[in-house]
């Protein structure tokens, strides 16, 4: 826990479909809080059902930040998200509100909680194409050796097979003359942070996710994807890589039956959940885990907030 004089920040983390939004709203109502979304899909307008975006009623119940901030053909980089999140957190503190960082996008959450240094270097398509050609000519291992020659610290952390990230590291170095490992040094933010994690037995969670996806379909998920495609938002956009969007898009193009698209969405969601637990580990001592299947989540969370003196 950070210095007691630092302003508070509560993070609610865990896998998709576990109930983070509901707990965030409950704590916001209990402690005069506001929610800062850390979900890389809920930033997009017109993508509501498939992202399980907070409903108008939920947003009326508690103020939400960083939801519906860009169109599906726009992007928000990790650096931009971090900057916006810090601004929203500081704004909450200035108004004597309790900020709650809520979401399951592990990279986005940790960039805020750990104060990642993120290179403010915009993509250079021409340089990236040149580097990609070099990687193709040299082979992945020899290309990785080029990074090791200028930034051994970054090279040591990157698998040579992850050519995309090696390209990014070399791009940053060539554009700035400074190794990406120097840019990426962490500076913990000046907050007292309480990390609340929600979990449940994995098979039970998978059943819950299957039911959730069925409910999304009944609520018009397919029509939402069809509307996005009709507006010209192609399946190759980063926004359309979200769970369900690409699979249902493939169905609409005649590549999959609807049943196959739904089944694939469920399968990919389970895989995504396993990835989320790599970011939010059950053995992480910094996270206070709450089993939502065995406890009154709100009561336990309220007790933790009060015990850690996070409320004003």
C-alpha atoms as a PDB file:
ATOM      1  CA  UNK A   1       0.000   0.000   0.000  1.00  0.00           C
ATOM      2  CA  UNK A   2       1.284   3.470  -0.871  1.00  0.00           C
ATOM      3  CA  UNK A   3       1.823   6.322   1.575  1.00  0.00           C
ATOM      4  CA  UNK A   4      -1.325   7.043   3.612  1.00  0.00           C
ATOM      5  CA  UNK A   5      -1.121  10.692   2.575  1.00  0.00           C
ATOM      6  CA  UNK A   6      -1.552   9.760  -1.084  1.00  0.00           C
ATOM      7  CA  UNK A   7      -5.043   9.963  -2.604  1.00  0.00           C
ATOM      8  CA  UNK A   8      -6.867   6.637  -2.999  1.00  0.00           C
ATOM      9  CA  UNK A   9      -7.490   4.552  -6.079  1.00  0.00           C
ATOM     10  CA  UNK A  10      -9.460   1.307  -6.131  1.00  0.00           C
ATOM     11  CA  UNK A  11      -8.893  -1.134  -8.991  1.00  0.00           C
ATOM     12  CA  UNK A  12     -11.464  -3.837  -9.694  1.00  0.00           C
ATOM     13  CA  UNK A  13      -9.976  -6.571 -11.866  1.00  0.00           C
ATOM     14  CA  UNK A  14     -10.734 -10.085 -12.996  1.00  0.00           C
ATOM     15  CA  UNK A  15     -11.928 -12.041 -16.013  1.00  0.00           C
ATOM     16  CA  UNK A  16     -14.653 -10.987 -18.390  1.00  0.00           C
ATOM     17  CA  UNK A  17     -18.227 -11.618 -17.287  1.00  0.00           C
ATOM     18  CA  UNK A  18     -17.368 -11.912 -13.578  1.00  0.00           C
ATOM     19  CA  UNK A  19     -19.314  -8.856 -12.356  1.00  0.00           C
ATOM     20  CA  UNK A  20     -16.741  -6.051 -12.237  1.00  0.00           C
ATOM     21  CA  UNK A  21     -19.168  -3.424 -13.528  1.00  0.00           C
ATOM     22  CA  UNK A  22     -21.828  -4.262 -10.944  1.00  0.00           C
ATOM     23  CA  UNK A  23     -19.328  -4.097  -8.085  1.00  0.00           C
ATOM     24  CA  UNK A  24     -17.888  -0.843  -9.389  1.00  0.00           C
ATOM     25  CA  UNK A  25     -21.315   0.754  -9.437  1.00  0.00           C
ATOM     26  CA  UNK A  26     -22.125  -0.512  -5.945  1.00  0.00           C
ATOM     27  CA  UNK A  27     -18.888   0.898  -4.508  1.00  0.00           C
ATOM     28  CA  UNK A  28     -19.328   4.156  -6.405  1.00  0.00           C
ATOM     29  CA  UNK A  29     -22.764   4.598  -4.858  1.00  0.00           C
ATOM     30  CA  UNK A  30     -21.516   3.656  -1.384  1.00  0.00           C
ATOM     31  CA  UNK A  31     -18.430   5.891  -1.383  1.00  0.00           C
ATOM     32  CA  UNK A  32     -19.199   8.795  -3.745  1.00  0.00           C
ATOM     33  CA  UNK A  33     -17.092   7.226  -6.442  1.00  0.00           C
ATOM     34  CA  UNK A  34     -16.734   7.417 -10.202  1.00  0.00           C
ATOM     35  CA  UNK A  35     -15.702   4.659 -12.596  1.00  0.00           C
ATOM     36  CA  UNK A  36     -12.754   4.902 -14.983  1.00  0.00           C
ATOM     37  CA  UNK A  37     -13.192   2.137 -17.542  1.00  0.00           C
ATOM     38  CA  UNK A  38     -10.093   0.086 -18.366  1.00  0.00           C
ATOM     39  CA  UNK A  39     -11.713  -1.905 -21.149  1.00  0.00           C
ATOM     40  CA  UNK A  40     -10.115  -1.607 -24.580  1.00  0.00           C
ATOM     41  CA  UNK A  41     -13.402  -2.467 -26.327  1.00  0.00           C
ATOM     42  CA  UNK A  42     -15.847  -0.242 -24.478  1.00  0.00           C
ATOM     43  CA  UNK A  43     -14.084   2.851 -25.850  1.00  0.00           C
ATOM     44  CA  UNK A  44     -15.856   2.367 -29.181  1.00  0.00           C
ATOM     45  CA  UNK A  45     -19.173   3.995 -30.000  1.00  0.00           C
ATOM     46  CA  UNK A  46     -21.881   1.794 -31.570  1.00  0.00           C
ATOM     47  CA  UNK A  47     -20.285  -1.342 -30.119  1.00  0.00           C
ATOM     48  CA  UNK A  48     -22.540  -1.926 -27.142  1.00  0.00           C
ATOM     49  CA  UNK A  49     -23.871  -5.468 -26.940  1.00  0.00           C
ATOM     50  CA  UNK A  50     -20.725  -7.403 -27.805  1.00  0.00           C
ATOM     51  CA  UNK A  51     -18.545  -5.356 -25.449  1.00  0.00           C
ATOM     52  CA  UNK A  52     -21.010  -5.704 -22.543  1.00  0.00           C
ATOM     53  CA  UNK A  53     -20.842  -1.941 -22.241  1.00  0.00           C
ATOM     54  CA  UNK A  54     -22.520  -0.392 -19.187  1.00  0.00           C
ATOM     55  CA  UNK A  55     -26.145   0.297 -20.027  1.00  0.00           C
ATOM     56  CA  UNK A  56     -27.639   3.808 -19.892  1.00  0.00           C
ATOM     57  CA  UNK A  57     -29.206   2.855 -16.552  1.00  0.00           C
ATOM     58  CA  UNK A  58     -25.843   1.702 -15.183  1.00  0.00           C
ATOM     59  CA  UNK A  59     -24.152   4.881 -16.363  1.00  0.00           C
ATOM     60  CA  UNK A  60     -26.893   6.901 -14.716  1.00  0.00           C
ATOM     61  CA  UNK A  61     -26.283   5.010 -11.476  1.00  0.00           C
ATOM     62  CA  UNK A  62     -22.607   5.999 -11.389  1.00  0.00           C
ATOM     63  CA  UNK A  63     -20.505   8.342 -13.540  1.00  0.00           C
ATOM     64  CA  UNK A  64     -18.334   6.489 -16.073  1.00  0.00           C
ATOM     65  CA  UNK A  65     -15.207   7.789 -17.807  1.00  0.00           C
ATOM     66  CA  UNK A  66     -13.498   6.518 -20.999  1.00  0.00           C
ATOM     67  CA  UNK A  67     -16.570   4.812 -22.440  1.00  0.00           C
ATOM     68  CA  UNK A  68     -17.761   5.721 -25.971  1.00  0.00           C
ATOM     69  CA  UNK A  69     -14.824   8.016 -26.680  1.00  0.00           C
ATOM     70  CA  UNK A  70     -13.917   7.067 -30.275  1.00  0.00           C
ATOM     71  CA  UNK A  71     -15.487   5.672 -33.436  1.00  0.00           C
ATOM     72  CA  UNK A  72     -14.766   2.077 -34.487  1.00  0.00           C
ATOM     73  CA  UNK A  73     -12.328   3.246 -37.162  1.00  0.00           C
ATOM     74  CA  UNK A  74     -10.233   5.226 -34.669  1.00  0.00           C
ATOM     75  CA  UNK A  75      -7.669   3.940 -32.202  1.00  0.00           C
ATOM     76  CA  UNK A  76      -6.575   4.709 -28.660  1.00  0.00           C
ATOM     77  CA  UNK A  77      -2.988   3.760 -27.957  1.00  0.00           C
ATOM     78  CA  UNK A  78      -1.829   2.475 -24.611  1.00  0.00           C
ATOM     79  CA  UNK A  79      -0.056   5.789 -24.013  1.00  0.00           C
ATOM     80  CA  UNK A  80      -3.218   7.749 -24.813  1.00  0.00           C
ATOM     81  CA  UNK A  81      -5.313   5.572 -22.525  1.00  0.00           C
ATOM     82  CA  UNK A  82      -2.836   5.947 -19.676  1.00  0.00           C
ATOM     83  CA  UNK A  83      -2.809   9.720 -20.082  1.00  0.00           C
ATOM     84  CA  UNK A  84      -6.609   9.911 -20.146  1.00  0.00           C
ATOM     85  CA  UNK A  85      -6.922   7.571 -17.173  1.00  0.00           C
ATOM     86  CA  UNK A  86      -4.493   9.577 -15.021  1.00  0.00           C
ATOM     87  CA  UNK A  87      -6.372  12.774 -15.966  1.00  0.00           C
ATOM     88  CA  UNK A  88      -9.721  11.217 -14.991  1.00  0.00           C
ATOM     89  CA  UNK A  89      -8.321   9.884 -11.698  1.00  0.00           C
ATOM     90  CA  UNK A  90      -6.815  13.251 -10.806  1.00  0.00           C
ATOM     91  CA  UNK A  91     -10.065  14.991 -11.747  1.00  0.00           C
ATOM     92  CA  UNK A  92     -11.967  12.694  -9.372  1.00  0.00           C
ATOM     93  CA  UNK A  93      -9.542  13.530  -6.573  1.00  0.00           C
ATOM     94  CA  UNK A  94      -9.891  17.253  -7.264  1.00  0.00           C
ATOM     95  CA  UNK A  95     -13.677  16.930  -6.851  1.00  0.00           C
ATOM     96  CA  UNK A  96     -13.383  14.774  -3.729  1.00  0.00           C
ATOM     97  CA  UNK A  97     -14.651  11.677  -5.527  1.00  0.00           C
ATOM     98  CA  UNK A  98     -13.269   8.153  -5.132  1.00  0.00           C
ATOM     99  CA  UNK A  99     -11.888   6.860  -8.468  1.00  0.00           C
ATOM    100  CA  UNK A 100     -12.489   3.224  -9.335  1.00  0.00           C
ATOM    101  CA  UNK A 101     -10.444   1.752 -12.173  1.00  0.00           C
ATOM    102  CA  UNK A 102     -12.637  -1.044 -13.526  1.00  0.00           C
ATOM    103  CA  UNK A 103     -11.825  -3.389 -16.380  1.00  0.00           C
ATOM    104  CA  UNK A 104     -10.299  -6.569 -17.649  1.00  0.00           C
ATOM    105  CA  UNK A 105      -7.774  -5.290 -20.192  1.00  0.00           C
ATOM    106  CA  UNK A 106      -4.686  -6.314 -18.258  1.00  0.00           C
ATOM    107  CA  UNK A 107      -2.177  -4.199 -20.147  1.00  0.00           C
ATOM    108  CA  UNK A 108      -4.274  -1.066 -19.690  1.00  0.00           C
ATOM    109  CA  UNK A 109      -4.872  -1.706 -15.989  1.00  0.00           C
ATOM    110  CA  UNK A 110      -1.228  -2.391 -15.207  1.00  0.00           C
ATOM    111  CA  UNK A 111      -0.010   0.596 -17.224  1.00  0.00           C
ATOM    112  CA  UNK A 112      -1.910   2.777 -14.748  1.00  0.00           C
ATOM    113  CA  UNK A 113      -1.316   0.865 -11.525  1.00  0.00           C
ATOM    114  CA  UNK A 114       2.421   0.456 -12.123  1.00  0.00           C
ATOM    115  CA  UNK A 115       3.037   3.745 -13.927  1.00  0.00           C
ATOM    116  CA  UNK A 116       4.529   2.253 -17.054  1.00  0.00           C
ATOM    117  CA  UNK A 117       6.805   4.444 -19.118  1.00  0.00           C
ATOM    118  CA  UNK A 118       5.335   4.277 -22.625  1.00  0.00           C
ATOM    119  CA  UNK A 119       7.170   5.695 -25.632  1.00  0.00           C
ATOM    120  CA  UNK A 120       5.215   8.565 -27.153  1.00  0.00           C
ATOM    121  CA  UNK A 121       6.397   7.552 -30.602  1.00  0.00           C
ATOM    122  CA  UNK A 122       3.641   7.346 -33.209  1.00  0.00           C
ATOM    123  CA  UNK A 123       3.791   4.493 -35.709  1.00  0.00           C
ATOM    124  CA  UNK A 124       5.852   5.182 -38.825  1.00  0.00           C
ATOM    125  CA  UNK A 125       4.343   2.960 -41.554  1.00  0.00           C
ATOM    126  CA  UNK A 126       7.271   3.473 -43.914  1.00  0.00           C
ATOM    127  CA  UNK A 127       9.881   2.564 -41.300  1.00  0.00           C
ATOM    128  CA  UNK A 128       7.812  -0.406 -40.134  1.00  0.00           C
ATOM    129  CA  UNK A 129       7.583  -1.709 -43.686  1.00  0.00           C
ATOM    130  CA  UNK A 130      11.344  -1.353 -44.041  1.00  0.00           C
ATOM    131  CA  UNK A 131      11.953  -3.205 -40.761  1.00  0.00           C
ATOM    132  CA  UNK A 132       9.477  -5.921 -41.704  1.00  0.00           C
ATOM    133  CA  UNK A 133      11.354  -6.422 -44.988  1.00  0.00           C
ATOM    134  CA  UNK A 134      14.615  -6.697 -43.042  1.00  0.00           C
ATOM    135  CA  UNK A 135      13.080  -9.285 -40.736  1.00  0.00           C
ATOM    136  CA  UNK A 136      11.862 -11.282 -43.727  1.00  0.00           C
ATOM    137  CA  UNK A 137      15.307 -11.196 -45.346  1.00  0.00           C
ATOM    138  CA  UNK A 138      17.368 -11.896 -42.234  1.00  0.00           C
ATOM    139  CA  UNK A 139      15.068 -14.300 -40.448  1.00  0.00           C
ATOM    140  CA  UNK A 140      13.541 -13.740 -37.009  1.00  0.00           C
ATOM    141  CA  UNK A 141      16.589 -14.737 -34.956  1.00  0.00           C
ATOM    142  CA  UNK A 142      19.087 -12.575 -36.858  1.00  0.00           C
ATOM    143  CA  UNK A 143      16.620  -9.679 -36.834  1.00  0.00           C
ATOM    144  CA  UNK A 144      16.237 -10.052 -33.065  1.00  0.00           C
ATOM    145  CA  UNK A 145      20.058  -9.896 -32.798  1.00  0.00           C
ATOM    146  CA  UNK A 146      19.919  -6.396 -34.279  1.00  0.00           C
ATOM    147  CA  UNK A 147      17.761  -5.324 -31.359  1.00  0.00           C
ATOM    148  CA  UNK A 148      20.116  -7.033 -28.904  1.00  0.00           C
ATOM    149  CA  UNK A 149      22.992  -4.966 -30.293  1.00  0.00           C
ATOM    150  CA  UNK A 150      21.320  -1.629 -29.453  1.00  0.00           C
ATOM    151  CA  UNK A 151      18.975  -2.560 -26.587  1.00  0.00           C
ATOM    152  CA  UNK A 152      20.014  -5.786 -24.850  1.00  0.00           C
ATOM    153  CA  UNK A 153      17.550  -5.208 -21.996  1.00  0.00           C
ATOM    154  CA  UNK A 154      14.579  -5.108 -24.368  1.00  0.00           C
ATOM    155  CA  UNK A 155      15.894  -8.011 -26.431  1.00  0.00           C
ATOM    156  CA  UNK A 156      16.207 -10.159 -23.318  1.00  0.00           C
ATOM    157  CA  UNK A 157      12.490  -9.723 -22.621  1.00  0.00           C
ATOM    158  CA  UNK A 158      11.269 -10.324 -26.172  1.00  0.00           C
ATOM    159  CA  UNK A 159      10.903 -13.714 -27.815  1.00  0.00           C
ATOM    160  CA  UNK A 160      12.620 -13.516 -31.210  1.00  0.00           C
ATOM    161  CA  UNK A 161       9.488 -15.027 -32.762  1.00  0.00           C
ATOM    162  CA  UNK A 162       7.451 -11.978 -31.755  1.00  0.00           C
ATOM    163  CA  UNK A 163       8.642 -10.026 -34.784  1.00  0.00           C
ATOM    164  CA  UNK A 164       5.957  -7.354 -34.430  1.00  0.00           C
ATOM    165  CA  UNK A 165       7.218  -6.291 -31.015  1.00  0.00           C
ATOM    166  CA  UNK A 166      10.858  -6.457 -32.113  1.00  0.00           C
ATOM    167  CA  UNK A 167       9.944  -4.127 -34.973  1.00  0.00           C
ATOM    168  CA  UNK A 168       8.316  -1.726 -32.516  1.00  0.00           C
ATOM    169  CA  UNK A 169      11.389  -1.728 -30.265  1.00  0.00           C
ATOM    170  CA  UNK A 170      13.689  -0.979 -33.196  1.00  0.00           C
ATOM    171  CA  UNK A 171      11.271   1.655 -34.489  1.00  0.00           C
ATOM    172  CA  UNK A 172      11.407   3.520 -31.170  1.00  0.00           C
ATOM    173  CA  UNK A 173      15.193   3.336 -31.073  1.00  0.00           C
ATOM    174  CA  UNK A 174      15.620   4.575 -34.644  1.00  0.00           C
ATOM    175  CA  UNK A 175      13.129   7.431 -34.162  1.00  0.00           C
ATOM    176  CA  UNK A 176      14.461   8.659 -30.814  1.00  0.00           C
ATOM    177  CA  UNK A 177      17.971   7.299 -30.413  1.00  0.00           C
ATOM    178  CA  UNK A 178      16.903   6.062 -26.975  1.00  0.00           C
ATOM    179  CA  UNK A 179      16.347   2.338 -26.257  1.00  0.00           C
ATOM    180  CA  UNK A 180      12.746   1.371 -25.669  1.00  0.00           C
ATOM    181  CA  UNK A 181      13.804  -0.241 -22.376  1.00  0.00           C
ATOM    182  CA  UNK A 182      14.740   3.244 -21.122  1.00  0.00           C
ATOM    183  CA  UNK A 183      11.403   4.685 -22.232  1.00  0.00           C
ATOM    184  CA  UNK A 184       9.596   1.849 -20.463  1.00  0.00           C
ATOM    185  CA  UNK A 185      10.947   2.344 -16.951  1.00  0.00           C
ATOM    186  CA  UNK A 186       8.123   2.318 -14.424  1.00  0.00           C
ATOM    187  CA  UNK A 187       7.271   5.227 -12.116  1.00  0.00           C
ATOM    188  CA  UNK A 188       4.633   4.153  -9.566  1.00  0.00           C
ATOM    189  CA  UNK A 189       1.806   6.719  -9.514  1.00  0.00           C
ATOM    190  CA  UNK A 190       1.240   8.730  -6.320  1.00  0.00           C
ATOM    191  CA  UNK A 191      -1.882   6.873  -5.204  1.00  0.00           C
ATOM    192  CA  UNK A 192      -2.844   4.546  -2.380  1.00  0.00           C
ATOM    193  CA  UNK A 193      -4.044   1.582  -4.390  1.00  0.00           C
ATOM    194  CA  UNK A 194      -6.418  -1.179  -3.312  1.00  0.00           C
ATOM    195  CA  UNK A 195      -6.692  -3.979  -5.861  1.00  0.00           C
ATOM    196  CA  UNK A 196      -9.868  -6.031  -5.652  1.00  0.00           C
ATOM    197  CA  UNK A 197     -10.017  -9.164  -7.780  1.00  0.00           C
ATOM    198  CA  UNK A 198     -13.167 -11.104  -8.618  1.00  0.00           C
ATOM    199  CA  UNK A 199     -12.971 -14.801  -9.409  1.00  0.00           C
ATOM    200  CA  UNK A 200     -14.951 -18.039  -9.357  1.00  0.00           C
ATOM    201  CA  UNK A 201     -14.265 -21.704 -10.199  1.00  0.00           C
ATOM    202  CA  UNK A 202     -13.226 -21.850 -13.836  1.00  0.00           C
ATOM    203  CA  UNK A 203     -15.863 -24.293 -15.101  1.00  0.00           C
ATOM    204  CA  UNK A 204     -18.596 -22.293 -13.413  1.00  0.00           C
ATOM    205  CA  UNK A 205     -17.265 -19.148 -15.052  1.00  0.00           C
ATOM    206  CA  UNK A 206     -17.250 -20.840 -18.449  1.00  0.00           C
ATOM    207  CA  UNK A 207     -20.907 -21.819 -18.032  1.00  0.00           C
ATOM    208  CA  UNK A 208     -21.692 -18.256 -17.038  1.00  0.00           C
ATOM    209  CA  UNK A 209     -19.890 -16.938 -20.119  1.00  0.00           C
ATOM    210  CA  UNK A 210     -21.785 -19.301 -22.430  1.00  0.00           C
ATOM    211  CA  UNK A 211     -25.075 -18.058 -21.001  1.00  0.00           C
ATOM    212  CA  UNK A 212     -23.911 -14.458 -21.353  1.00  0.00           C
ATOM    213  CA  UNK A 213     -23.088 -14.904 -25.025  1.00  0.00           C
ATOM    214  CA  UNK A 214     -26.472 -16.546 -25.624  1.00  0.00           C
ATOM    215  CA  UNK A 215     -28.076 -13.514 -23.955  1.00  0.00           C
ATOM    216  CA  UNK A 216     -26.047 -11.162 -26.178  1.00  0.00           C
ATOM    217  CA  UNK A 217     -27.318 -12.990 -29.250  1.00  0.00           C
ATOM    218  CA  UNK A 218     -30.884 -12.706 -28.017  1.00  0.00           C
ATOM    219  CA  UNK A 219     -30.320  -8.975 -27.406  1.00  0.00           C
ATOM    220  CA  UNK A 220     -29.332  -8.358 -31.035  1.00  0.00           C
ATOM    221  CA  UNK A 221     -25.566  -8.878 -31.214  1.00  0.00           C
ATOM    222  CA  UNK A 222     -25.764 -10.136 -34.803  1.00  0.00           C
ATOM    223  CA  UNK A 223     -27.732  -7.059 -35.871  1.00  0.00           C
ATOM    224  CA  UNK A 224     -25.148  -4.844 -34.160  1.00  0.00           C
ATOM    225  CA  UNK A 225     -22.332  -6.419 -36.204  1.00  0.00           C
ATOM    226  CA  UNK A 226     -24.399  -6.183 -39.385  1.00  0.00           C
ATOM    227  CA  UNK A 227     -25.002  -2.467 -38.720  1.00  0.00           C
ATOM    228  CA  UNK A 228     -21.292  -1.812 -38.190  1.00  0.00           C
ATOM    229  CA  UNK A 229     -20.392  -3.548 -41.449  1.00  0.00           C
ATOM    230  CA  UNK A 230     -23.114  -1.596 -43.260  1.00  0.00           C
ATOM    231  CA  UNK A 231     -21.543   1.634 -41.996  1.00  0.00           C
ATOM    232  CA  UNK A 232     -18.267   0.628 -43.601  1.00  0.00           C
ATOM    233  CA  UNK A 233     -16.387  -0.608 -40.548  1.00  0.00           C
ATOM    234  CA  UNK A 234     -14.409  -3.518 -41.950  1.00  0.00           C
ATOM    235  CA  UNK A 235     -13.464  -6.684 -40.110  1.00  0.00           C
ATOM    236  CA  UNK A 236      -9.749  -5.827 -40.337  1.00  0.00           C
ATOM    237  CA  UNK A 237     -10.135  -2.828 -38.023  1.00  0.00           C
ATOM    238  CA  UNK A 238      -8.653  -3.331 -34.532  1.00  0.00           C
ATOM    239  CA  UNK A 239     -12.072  -2.571 -33.048  1.00  0.00           C
ATOM    240  CA  UNK A 240     -13.622  -5.450 -34.967  1.00  0.00           C
ATOM    241  CA  UNK A 241     -11.150  -7.962 -33.566  1.00  0.00           C
ATOM    242  CA  UNK A 242     -13.146  -7.996 -30.339  1.00  0.00           C
ATOM    243  CA  UNK A 243     -14.706 -11.235 -29.152  1.00  0.00           C
ATOM    244  CA  UNK A 244     -17.694 -12.108 -31.296  1.00  0.00           C
ATOM    245  CA  UNK A 245     -17.396  -9.300 -33.829  1.00  0.00           C
ATOM    246  CA  UNK A 246     -14.971 -11.044 -36.156  1.00  0.00           C
ATOM    247  CA  UNK A 247     -16.735 -14.406 -35.759  1.00  0.00           C
ATOM    248  CA  UNK A 248     -20.199 -13.003 -36.477  1.00  0.00           C
ATOM    249  CA  UNK A 249     -18.725 -10.963 -39.315  1.00  0.00           C
ATOM    250  CA  UNK A 250     -17.409 -14.193 -40.825  1.00  0.00           C
ATOM    251  CA  UNK A 251     -20.928 -15.614 -40.586  1.00  0.00           C
ATOM    252  CA  UNK A 252     -22.376 -12.586 -42.358  1.00  0.00           C
ATOM    253  CA  UNK A 253     -19.841 -13.100 -45.149  1.00  0.00           C
ATOM    254  CA  UNK A 254     -20.974 -16.697 -45.512  1.00  0.00           C
ATOM    255  CA  UNK A 255     -17.805 -18.228 -44.082  1.00  0.00           C
ATOM    256  CA  UNK A 256     -19.399 -19.756 -40.969  1.00  0.00           C
ATOM    257  CA  UNK A 257     -22.862 -20.872 -39.969  1.00  0.00           C
ATOM    258  CA  UNK A 258     -24.412 -18.884 -37.144  1.00  0.00           C
ATOM    259  CA  UNK A 259     -24.048 -21.847 -34.786  1.00  0.00           C
ATOM    260  CA  UNK A 260     -20.362 -22.153 -35.708  1.00  0.00           C
ATOM    261  CA  UNK A 261     -19.781 -18.432 -35.155  1.00  0.00           C
ATOM    262  CA  UNK A 262     -21.406 -18.520 -31.730  1.00  0.00           C
ATOM    263  CA  UNK A 263     -19.509 -21.660 -30.709  1.00  0.00           C
ATOM    264  CA  UNK A 264     -16.225 -20.087 -31.842  1.00  0.00           C
ATOM    265  CA  UNK A 265     -17.019 -16.935 -29.888  1.00  0.00           C
ATOM    266  CA  UNK A 266     -17.523 -19.019 -26.746  1.00  0.00           C
ATOM    267  CA  UNK A 267     -14.280 -20.891 -27.368  1.00  0.00           C
ATOM    268  CA  UNK A 268     -12.287 -17.689 -27.942  1.00  0.00           C
ATOM    269  CA  UNK A 269     -13.808 -16.104 -24.838  1.00  0.00           C
ATOM    270  CA  UNK A 270     -12.580 -19.012 -22.710  1.00  0.00           C
ATOM    271  CA  UNK A 271      -9.104 -18.581 -24.196  1.00  0.00           C
ATOM    272  CA  UNK A 272      -9.255 -14.856 -23.436  1.00  0.00           C
ATOM    273  CA  UNK A 273     -10.179 -15.595 -19.826  1.00  0.00           C
ATOM    274  CA  UNK A 274      -7.066 -17.742 -19.478  1.00  0.00           C
ATOM    275  CA  UNK A 275      -5.012 -14.820 -20.799  1.00  0.00           C
ATOM    276  CA  UNK A 276      -6.627 -12.462 -18.286  1.00  0.00           C
ATOM    277  CA  UNK A 277      -5.564 -14.697 -15.412  1.00  0.00           C
ATOM    278  CA  UNK A 278      -1.983 -14.289 -16.642  1.00  0.00           C
ATOM    279  CA  UNK A 279      -2.317 -10.566 -15.960  1.00  0.00           C
ATOM    280  CA  UNK A 280      -4.274 -10.956 -12.722  1.00  0.00           C
ATOM    281  CA  UNK A 281      -2.761 -13.961 -11.003  1.00  0.00           C
ATOM    282  CA  UNK A 282      -4.547 -15.692  -8.167  1.00  0.00           C
ATOM    283  CA  UNK A 283      -1.259 -15.923  -6.262  1.00  0.00           C
ATOM    284  CA  UNK A 284      -0.574 -12.185  -6.549  1.00  0.00           C
ATOM    285  CA  UNK A 285      -0.379 -10.926  -2.930  1.00  0.00           C
ATOM    286  CA  UNK A 286      -1.250  -7.393  -4.055  1.00  0.00           C
ATOM    287  CA  UNK A 287      -4.753  -8.454  -5.135  1.00  0.00           C
ATOM    288  CA  UNK A 288      -7.510  -9.094  -2.582  1.00  0.00           C
ATOM    289  CA  UNK A 289      -9.411 -11.869  -4.315  1.00  0.00           C
ATOM    290  CA  UNK A 290     -13.127 -12.386  -3.729  1.00  0.00           C
ATOM    291  CA  UNK A 291     -14.824 -15.595  -4.888  1.00  0.00           C
ATOM    292  CA  UNK A 292     -18.139 -14.318  -6.235  1.00  0.00           C
ATOM    293  CA  UNK A 293     -19.663 -17.801  -6.009  1.00  0.00           C
ATOM    294  CA  UNK A 294     -18.987 -18.108  -2.291  1.00  0.00           C
ATOM    295  CA  UNK A 295     -19.344 -14.619  -0.849  1.00  0.00           C
ATOM    296  CA  UNK A 296     -21.524 -11.527  -0.731  1.00  0.00           C
ATOM    297  CA  UNK A 297     -19.198  -9.613  -3.040  1.00  0.00           C
ATOM    298  CA  UNK A 298     -20.399  -6.112  -2.210  1.00  0.00           C
ATOM    299  CA  UNK A 299     -20.282  -6.642   1.557  1.00  0.00           C
ATOM    300  CA  UNK A 300     -16.768  -8.103   1.417  1.00  0.00           C
ATOM    301  CA  UNK A 301     -15.555  -5.315  -0.867  1.00  0.00           C
ATOM    302  CA  UNK A 302     -17.096  -2.576   1.281  1.00  0.00           C
ATOM    303  CA  UNK A 303     -15.409  -4.039   4.357  1.00  0.00           C
ATOM    304  CA  UNK A 304     -12.035  -4.065   2.572  1.00  0.00           C
ATOM    305  CA  UNK A 305     -12.451  -0.467   1.407  1.00  0.00           C
ATOM    306  CA  UNK A 306     -13.299   0.664   4.927  1.00  0.00           C
ATOM    307  CA  UNK A 307     -10.540  -1.398   6.557  1.00  0.00           C
ATOM    308  CA  UNK A 308      -7.901   0.049   4.223  1.00  0.00           C
ATOM    309  CA  UNK A 309      -9.325   3.548   4.814  1.00  0.00           C
ATOM    310  CA  UNK A 310      -9.783   4.135   1.092  1.00  0.00           C
ATOM    311  CA  UNK A 311     -12.974   6.152   1.514  1.00  0.00           C
ATOM    312  CA  UNK A 312     -12.961   9.839   2.305  1.00  0.00           C
END
